[in-house]
Amino acid sequence: MHRADLEHIIRAAAAITNEYELVVIGSQSILGTQTDLPEVLVQSMEADIYPLQHPELADLIDGAIGEASPFLKP
């Protein structure tokens, strides 16, 4: 995953939840602060994200664009 992919996920999660302060955790959180990363650091196609004020909405995000969904499939 590259920064553009993470930005796409963030926009989708915001649209799904109507929340615009989102937290990205895990290995892909580095994409928010760094550019030009080695390929080994951008291999994952998963991003863990939840709304800051309503973390319980993480399940809604997962159900809509999570692992079993067609979102971001090559």
PDB file of N, CA and C in Angstrom:
ATOM      1  N   MET A   1       0.843  -1.166   0.000  1.00  0.00           N
ATOM      2  CA  MET A   1       0.000   0.000   0.000  1.00  0.00           C
ATOM      3  C   MET A   1       0.891   1.232   0.000  1.00  0.00           C
ATOM      4  N   HIS A   2       0.475   2.202  -0.760  1.00  0.00           N
ATOM      5  CA  HIS A   2       1.189   3.471  -0.802  1.00  0.00           C
ATOM      6  C   HIS A   2       0.304   4.558  -0.196  1.00  0.00           C
ATOM      7  N   ARG A   3       0.867   5.735  -0.031  1.00  0.00           N
ATOM      8  CA  ARG A   3       0.140   6.821   0.634  1.00  0.00           C
ATOM      9  C   ARG A   3      -1.205   7.115  -0.045  1.00  0.00           C
ATOM     10  N   ALA A   4      -1.244   7.098  -1.363  1.00  0.00           N
ATOM     11  CA  ALA A   4      -2.490   7.359  -2.086  1.00  0.00           C
ATOM     12  C   ALA A   4      -3.563   6.326  -1.726  1.00  0.00           C
ATOM     13  N   ASP A   5      -3.151   5.075  -1.530  1.00  0.00           N
ATOM     14  CA  ASP A   5      -4.098   4.028  -1.129  1.00  0.00           C
ATOM     15  C   ASP A   5      -4.640   4.313   0.268  1.00  0.00           C
ATOM     16  N   LEU A   6      -3.761   4.711   1.174  1.00  0.00           N
ATOM     17  CA  LEU A   6      -4.196   5.034   2.532  1.00  0.00           C
ATOM     18  C   LEU A   6      -5.141   6.231   2.515  1.00  0.00           C
ATOM     19  N   GLU A   7      -4.838   7.232   1.728  1.00  0.00           N
ATOM     20  CA  GLU A   7      -5.725   8.394   1.626  1.00  0.00           C
ATOM     21  C   GLU A   7      -7.096   7.988   1.113  1.00  0.00           C
ATOM     22  N   HIS A   8      -7.130   7.057   0.174  1.00  0.00           N
ATOM     23  CA  HIS A   8      -8.391   6.537  -0.365  1.00  0.00           C
ATOM     24  C   HIS A   8      -9.188   5.829   0.735  1.00  0.00           C
ATOM     25  N   ILE A   9      -8.514   5.041   1.526  1.00  0.00           N
ATOM     26  CA  ILE A   9      -9.164   4.335   2.639  1.00  0.00           C
ATOM     27  C   ILE A   9      -9.719   5.341   3.645  1.00  0.00           C
ATOM     28  N   ILE A  10      -8.947   6.361   3.963  1.00  0.00           N
ATOM     29  CA  ILE A  10      -9.396   7.376   4.914  1.00  0.00           C
ATOM     30  C   ILE A  10     -10.639   8.099   4.395  1.00  0.00           C
ATOM     31  N   ARG A  11     -10.626   8.471   3.118  1.00  0.00           N
ATOM     32  CA  ARG A  11     -11.804   9.134   2.542  1.00  0.00           C
ATOM     33  C   ARG A  11     -13.022   8.217   2.587  1.00  0.00           C
ATOM     34  N   ALA A  12     -12.834   6.957   2.269  1.00  0.00           N
ATOM     35  CA  ALA A  12     -13.949   6.006   2.285  1.00  0.00           C
ATOM     36  C   ALA A  12     -14.473   5.801   3.701  1.00  0.00           C
ATOM     37  N   ALA A  13     -13.581   5.663   4.664  1.00  0.00           N
ATOM     38  CA  ALA A  13     -13.992   5.479   6.057  1.00  0.00           C
ATOM     39  C   ALA A  13     -14.749   6.701   6.566  1.00  0.00           C
ATOM     40  N   ALA A  14     -14.317   7.884   6.167  1.00  0.00           N
ATOM     41  CA  ALA A  14     -15.014   9.107   6.562  1.00  0.00           C
ATOM     42  C   ALA A  14     -16.412   9.140   5.962  1.00  0.00           C
ATOM     43  N   ALA A  15     -16.538   8.755   4.722  1.00  0.00           N
ATOM     44  CA  ALA A  15     -17.843   8.737   4.068  1.00  0.00           C
ATOM     45  C   ALA A  15     -18.772   7.710   4.698  1.00  0.00           C
ATOM     46  N   ILE A  16     -18.240   6.566   5.059  1.00  0.00           N
ATOM     47  CA  ILE A  16     -19.035   5.497   5.669  1.00  0.00           C
ATOM     48  C   ILE A  16     -19.547   5.894   7.040  1.00  0.00           C
ATOM     49  N   THR A  17     -18.712   6.546   7.816  1.00  0.00           N
ATOM     50  CA  THR A  17     -19.049   6.832   9.217  1.00  0.00           C
ATOM     51  C   THR A  17     -19.527   8.258   9.469  1.00  0.00           C
ATOM     52  N   ASN A  18     -19.363   9.138   8.496  1.00  0.00           N
ATOM     53  CA  ASN A  18     -19.624  10.572   8.709  1.00  0.00           C
ATOM     54  C   ASN A  18     -18.772  11.130   9.839  1.00  0.00           C
ATOM     55  N   GLU A  19     -17.617  10.549  10.029  1.00  0.00           N
ATOM     56  CA  GLU A  19     -16.633  11.018  11.008  1.00  0.00           C
ATOM     57  C   GLU A  19     -15.389  11.428  10.225  1.00  0.00           C
ATOM     58  N   TYR A  20     -14.781  12.532  10.637  1.00  0.00           N
ATOM     59  CA  TYR A  20     -13.664  13.044   9.865  1.00  0.00           C
ATOM     60  C   TYR A  20     -12.366  13.146  10.650  1.00  0.00           C
ATOM     61  N   GLU A  21     -12.374  12.669  11.882  1.00  0.00           N
ATOM     62  CA  GLU A  21     -11.134  12.515  12.643  1.00  0.00           C
ATOM     63  C   GLU A  21     -10.932  11.022  12.805  1.00  0.00           C
ATOM     64  N   LEU A  22      -9.992  10.494  12.060  1.00  0.00           N
ATOM     65  CA  LEU A  22      -9.761   9.059  12.030  1.00  0.00           C
ATOM     66  C   LEU A  22      -8.353   8.746  12.522  1.00  0.00           C
ATOM     67  N   VAL A  23      -8.222   7.600  13.156  1.00  0.00           N
ATOM     68  CA  VAL A  23      -6.941   7.149  13.682  1.00  0.00           C
ATOM     69  C   VAL A  23      -6.493   5.946  12.863  1.00  0.00           C
ATOM     70  N   VAL A  24      -5.269   5.991  12.395  1.00  0.00           N
ATOM     71  CA  VAL A  24      -4.664   4.860  11.686  1.00  0.00           C
ATOM     72  C   VAL A  24      -3.628   4.266  12.610  1.00  0.00           C
ATOM     73  N   ILE A  25      -3.743   2.968  12.865  1.00  0.00           N
ATOM     74  CA  ILE A  25      -2.781   2.283  13.722  1.00  0.00           C
ATOM     75  C   ILE A  25      -2.122   1.162  12.936  1.00  0.00           C
ATOM     76  N   GLY A  26      -1.081   0.626  13.469  1.00  0.00           N
ATOM     77  CA  GLY A  26      -0.400  -0.478  12.825  1.00  0.00           C
ATOM     78  C   GLY A  26       0.666  -0.024  11.846  1.00  0.00           C
ATOM     79  N   SER A  27       1.157  -0.973  11.083  1.00  0.00           N
ATOM     80  CA  SER A  27       2.318  -0.724  10.230  1.00  0.00           C
ATOM     81  C   SER A  27       2.081   0.327   9.162  1.00  0.00           C
ATOM     82  N   GLN A  28       0.868   0.445   8.675  1.00  0.00           N
ATOM     83  CA  GLN A  28       0.620   1.403   7.603  1.00  0.00           C
ATOM     84  C   GLN A  28       0.467   2.838   8.085  1.00  0.00           C
ATOM     85  N   SER A  29       0.453   3.037   9.387  1.00  0.00           N
ATOM     86  CA  SER A  29       0.371   4.401   9.911  1.00  0.00           C
ATOM     87  C   SER A  29       1.595   5.223   9.515  1.00  0.00           C
ATOM     88  N   ILE A  30       2.689   4.563   9.208  1.00  0.00           N
ATOM     89  CA  ILE A  30       3.901   5.277   8.788  1.00  0.00           C
ATOM     90  C   ILE A  30       3.670   6.063   7.499  1.00  0.00           C
ATOM     91  N   LEU A  31       2.700   5.630   6.699  1.00  0.00           N
ATOM     92  CA  LEU A  31       2.426   6.313   5.437  1.00  0.00           C
ATOM     93  C   LEU A  31       1.919   7.740   5.652  1.00  0.00           C
ATOM     94  N   GLY A  32       1.400   8.022   6.836  1.00  0.00           N
ATOM     95  CA  GLY A  32       0.911   9.359   7.119  1.00  0.00           C
ATOM     96  C   GLY A  32       2.009  10.370   7.372  1.00  0.00           C
ATOM     97  N   THR A  33       3.209   9.895   7.663  1.00  0.00           N
ATOM     98  CA  THR A  33       4.284  10.821   8.013  1.00  0.00           C
ATOM     99  C   THR A  33       5.523  10.703   7.140  1.00  0.00           C
ATOM    100  N   GLN A  34       5.643   9.632   6.393  1.00  0.00           N
ATOM    101  CA  GLN A  34       6.863   9.408   5.612  1.00  0.00           C
ATOM    102  C   GLN A  34       6.528   9.207   4.137  1.00  0.00           C
ATOM    103  N   THR A  35       7.448   9.568   3.284  1.00  0.00           N
ATOM    104  CA  THR A  35       7.313   9.312   1.853  1.00  0.00           C
ATOM    105  C   THR A  35       8.548   8.553   1.386  1.00  0.00           C
ATOM    106  N   ASP A  36       8.482   8.037   0.206  1.00  0.00           N
ATOM    107  CA  ASP A  36       9.610   7.308  -0.389  1.00  0.00           C
ATOM    108  C   ASP A  36      10.127   6.202   0.531  1.00  0.00           C
ATOM    109  N   LEU A  37       9.224   5.349   0.968  1.00  0.00           N
ATOM    110  CA  LEU A  37       9.592   4.236   1.847  1.00  0.00           C
ATOM    111  C   LEU A  37      10.090   3.052   1.038  1.00  0.00           C
ATOM    112  N   PRO A  38      10.951   2.240   1.618  1.00  0.00           N
ATOM    113  CA  PRO A  38      11.395   1.016   0.941  1.00  0.00           C
ATOM    114  C   PRO A  38      10.204   0.090   0.712  1.00  0.00           C
ATOM    115  N   GLU A  39      10.244  -0.685  -0.353  1.00  0.00           N
ATOM    116  CA  GLU A  39       9.152  -1.588  -0.708  1.00  0.00           C
ATOM    117  C   GLU A  39       8.763  -2.523   0.433  1.00  0.00           C
ATOM    118  N   VAL A  40       9.720  -2.922   1.241  1.00  0.00           N
ATOM    119  CA  VAL A  40       9.419  -3.842   2.340  1.00  0.00           C
ATOM    120  C   VAL A  40       8.419  -3.230   3.324  1.00  0.00           C
ATOM    121  N   LEU A  41       8.378  -1.912   3.402  1.00  0.00           N
ATOM    122  CA  LEU A  41       7.469  -1.235   4.336  1.00  0.00           C
ATOM    123  C   LEU A  41       6.109  -0.913   3.734  1.00  0.00           C
ATOM    124  N   VAL A  42       5.923  -1.150   2.443  1.00  0.00           N
ATOM    125  CA  VAL A  42       4.644  -0.837   1.809  1.00  0.00           C
ATOM    126  C   VAL A  42       3.988  -2.076   1.196  1.00  0.00           C
ATOM    127  N   GLN A  43       4.376  -3.244   1.647  1.00  0.00           N
ATOM    128  CA  GLN A  43       3.838  -4.475   1.089  1.00  0.00           C
ATOM    129  C   GLN A  43       2.435  -4.801   1.591  1.00  0.00           C
ATOM    130  N   SER A  44       2.113  -4.415   2.784  1.00  0.00           N
ATOM    131  CA  SER A  44       0.817  -4.749   3.360  1.00  0.00           C
ATOM    132  C   SER A  44      -0.311  -4.059   2.612  1.00  0.00           C
ATOM    133  N   MET A  45      -1.431  -4.726   2.455  1.00  0.00           N
ATOM    134  CA  MET A  45      -2.615  -4.131   1.841  1.00  0.00           C
ATOM    135  C   MET A  45      -3.713  -3.918   2.881  1.00  0.00           C
ATOM    136  N   GLU A  46      -3.326  -3.828   4.137  1.00  0.00           N
ATOM    137  CA  GLU A  46      -4.289  -3.623   5.213  1.00  0.00           C
ATOM    138  C   GLU A  46      -3.951  -2.351   5.972  1.00  0.00           C
ATOM    139  N   ALA A  47      -4.996  -1.644   6.390  1.00  0.00           N
ATOM    140  CA  ALA A  47      -4.819  -0.483   7.249  1.00  0.00           C
ATOM    141  C   ALA A  47      -5.865  -0.576   8.348  1.00  0.00           C
ATOM    142  N   ASP A  48      -5.445  -0.444   9.565  1.00  0.00           N
ATOM    143  CA  ASP A  48      -6.353  -0.466  10.702  1.00  0.00           C
ATOM    144  C   ASP A  48      -6.734   0.973  11.007  1.00  0.00           C
ATOM    145  N   ILE A  49      -8.039   1.247  10.973  1.00  0.00           N
ATOM    146  CA  ILE A  49      -8.513   2.617  11.102  1.00  0.00           C
ATOM    147  C   ILE A  49      -9.811   2.647  11.892  1.00  0.00           C
ATOM    148  N   TYR A  50      -9.957   3.684  12.699  1.00  0.00           N
ATOM    149  CA  TYR A  50     -11.206   3.858  13.440  1.00  0.00           C
ATOM    150  C   TYR A  50     -11.441   5.346  13.701  1.00  0.00           C
ATOM    151  N   PRO A  51     -12.691   5.749  13.865  1.00  0.00           N
ATOM    152  CA  PRO A  51     -12.988   7.147  14.165  1.00  0.00           C
ATOM    153  C   PRO A  51     -12.548   7.509  15.583  1.00  0.00           C
ATOM    154  N   LEU A  52     -11.888   8.634  15.719  1.00  0.00           N
ATOM    155  CA  LEU A  52     -11.352   9.074  17.003  1.00  0.00           C
ATOM    156  C   LEU A  52     -12.448   9.196  18.063  1.00  0.00           C
ATOM    157  N   GLN A  53     -13.542   9.835  17.729  1.00  0.00           N
ATOM    158  CA  GLN A  53     -14.604  10.087  18.706  1.00  0.00           C
ATOM    159  C   GLN A  53     -15.568   8.914  18.885  1.00  0.00           C
ATOM    160  N   HIS A  54     -15.610   8.004  17.910  1.00  0.00           N
ATOM    161  CA  HIS A  54     -16.539   6.870  17.965  1.00  0.00           C
ATOM    162  C   HIS A  54     -15.846   5.588  17.509  1.00  0.00           C
ATOM    163  N   PRO A  55     -14.921   5.069  18.308  1.00  0.00           N
ATOM    164  CA  PRO A  55     -14.172   3.876  17.889  1.00  0.00           C
ATOM    165  C   PRO A  55     -15.055   2.661  17.633  1.00  0.00           C
ATOM    166  N   GLU A  56     -16.252   2.656  18.195  1.00  0.00           N
ATOM    167  CA  GLU A  56     -17.158   1.521  17.976  1.00  0.00           C
ATOM    168  C   GLU A  56     -17.587   1.418  16.504  1.00  0.00           C
ATOM    169  N   LEU A  57     -17.396   2.474  15.733  1.00  0.00           N
ATOM    170  CA  LEU A  57     -17.742   2.444  14.314  1.00  0.00           C
ATOM    171  C   LEU A  57     -16.703   1.712  13.468  1.00  0.00           C
ATOM    172  N   ALA A  58     -15.651   1.239  14.084  1.00  0.00           N
ATOM    173  CA  ALA A  58     -14.636   0.463  13.350  1.00  0.00           C
ATOM    174  C   ALA A  58     -15.257  -0.758  12.694  1.00  0.00           C
ATOM    175  N   ASP A  59     -16.226  -1.366  13.343  1.00  0.00           N
ATOM    176  CA  ASP A  59     -16.891  -2.537  12.756  1.00  0.00           C
ATOM    177  C   ASP A  59     -17.654  -2.162  11.486  1.00  0.00           C
ATOM    178  N   LEU A  60     -18.224  -0.981  11.455  1.00  0.00           N
ATOM    179  CA  LEU A  60     -18.926  -0.505  10.268  1.00  0.00           C
ATOM    180  C   LEU A  60     -17.945  -0.340   9.102  1.00  0.00           C
ATOM    181  N   ILE A  61     -16.797   0.215   9.389  1.00  0.00           N
ATOM    182  CA  ILE A  61     -15.753   0.365   8.365  1.00  0.00           C
ATOM    183  C   ILE A  61     -15.314  -1.009   7.871  1.00  0.00           C
ATOM    184  N   ASP A  62     -15.043  -1.899   8.802  1.00  0.00           N
ATOM    185  CA  ASP A  62     -14.583  -3.240   8.440  1.00  0.00           C
ATOM    186  C   ASP A  62     -15.608  -3.962   7.579  1.00  0.00           C
ATOM    187  N   GLY A  63     -16.873  -3.854   7.944  1.00  0.00           N
ATOM    188  CA  GLY A  63     -17.917  -4.519   7.170  1.00  0.00           C
ATOM    189  C   GLY A  63     -18.055  -3.975   5.763  1.00  0.00           C
ATOM    190  N   ALA A  64     -17.833  -2.685   5.594  1.00  0.00           N
ATOM    191  CA  ALA A  64     -18.006  -2.055   4.285  1.00  0.00           C
ATOM    192  C   ALA A  64     -16.777  -2.162   3.395  1.00  0.00           C
ATOM    193  N   ILE A  65     -15.588  -1.972   3.973  1.00  0.00           N
ATOM    194  CA  ILE A  65     -14.374  -1.951   3.135  1.00  0.00           C
ATOM    195  C   ILE A  65     -13.264  -2.822   3.707  1.00  0.00           C
ATOM    196  N   GLY A  66     -13.616  -3.731   4.580  1.00  0.00           N
ATOM    197  CA  GLY A  66     -12.618  -4.576   5.240  1.00  0.00           C
ATOM    198  C   GLY A  66     -12.105  -5.708   4.375  1.00  0.00           C
ATOM    199  N   GLU A  67     -11.440  -6.624   5.014  1.00  0.00           N
ATOM    200  CA  GLU A  67     -10.714  -7.702   4.347  1.00  0.00           C
ATOM    201  C   GLU A  67     -11.552  -8.511   3.360  1.00  0.00           C
ATOM    202  N   ALA A  68     -12.785  -8.839   3.689  1.00  0.00           N
ATOM    203  CA  ALA A  68     -13.607  -9.672   2.810  1.00  0.00           C
ATOM    204  C   ALA A  68     -14.295  -8.881   1.709  1.00  0.00           C
ATOM    205  N   SER A  69     -14.138  -7.570   1.697  1.00  0.00           N
ATOM    206  CA  SER A  69     -14.801  -6.733   0.692  1.00  0.00           C
ATOM    207  C   SER A  69     -13.944  -6.618  -0.569  1.00  0.00           C
ATOM    208  N   PRO A  70     -14.548  -6.182  -1.655  1.00  0.00           N
ATOM    209  CA  PRO A  70     -13.773  -5.984  -2.890  1.00  0.00           C
ATOM    210  C   PRO A  70     -12.977  -4.683  -2.916  1.00  0.00           C
ATOM    211  N   PHE A  71     -13.027  -3.898  -1.847  1.00  0.00           N
ATOM    212  CA  PHE A  71     -12.339  -2.622  -1.790  1.00  0.00           C
ATOM    213  C   PHE A  71     -10.828  -2.799  -1.918  1.00  0.00           C
ATOM    214  N   LEU A  72     -10.212  -2.039  -2.791  1.00  0.00           N
ATOM    215  CA  LEU A  72      -8.762  -2.053  -3.039  1.00  0.00           C
ATOM    216  C   LEU A  72      -8.223  -3.395  -3.529  1.00  0.00           C
ATOM    217  N   LYS A  73      -9.051  -4.214  -4.105  1.00  0.00           N
ATOM    218  CA  LYS A  73      -8.532  -5.474  -4.668  1.00  0.00           C
ATOM    219  C   LYS A  73      -7.838  -5.160  -5.991  1.00  0.00           C
ATOM    220  N   PRO A  74      -6.702  -5.817  -6.221  1.00  0.00           N
ATOM    221  CA  PRO A  74      -5.969  -5.548  -7.474  1.00  0.00           C
ATOM    222  C   PRO A  74      -6.725  -5.997  -8.705  1.00  0.00           C
TER     223      PRO A  74
END
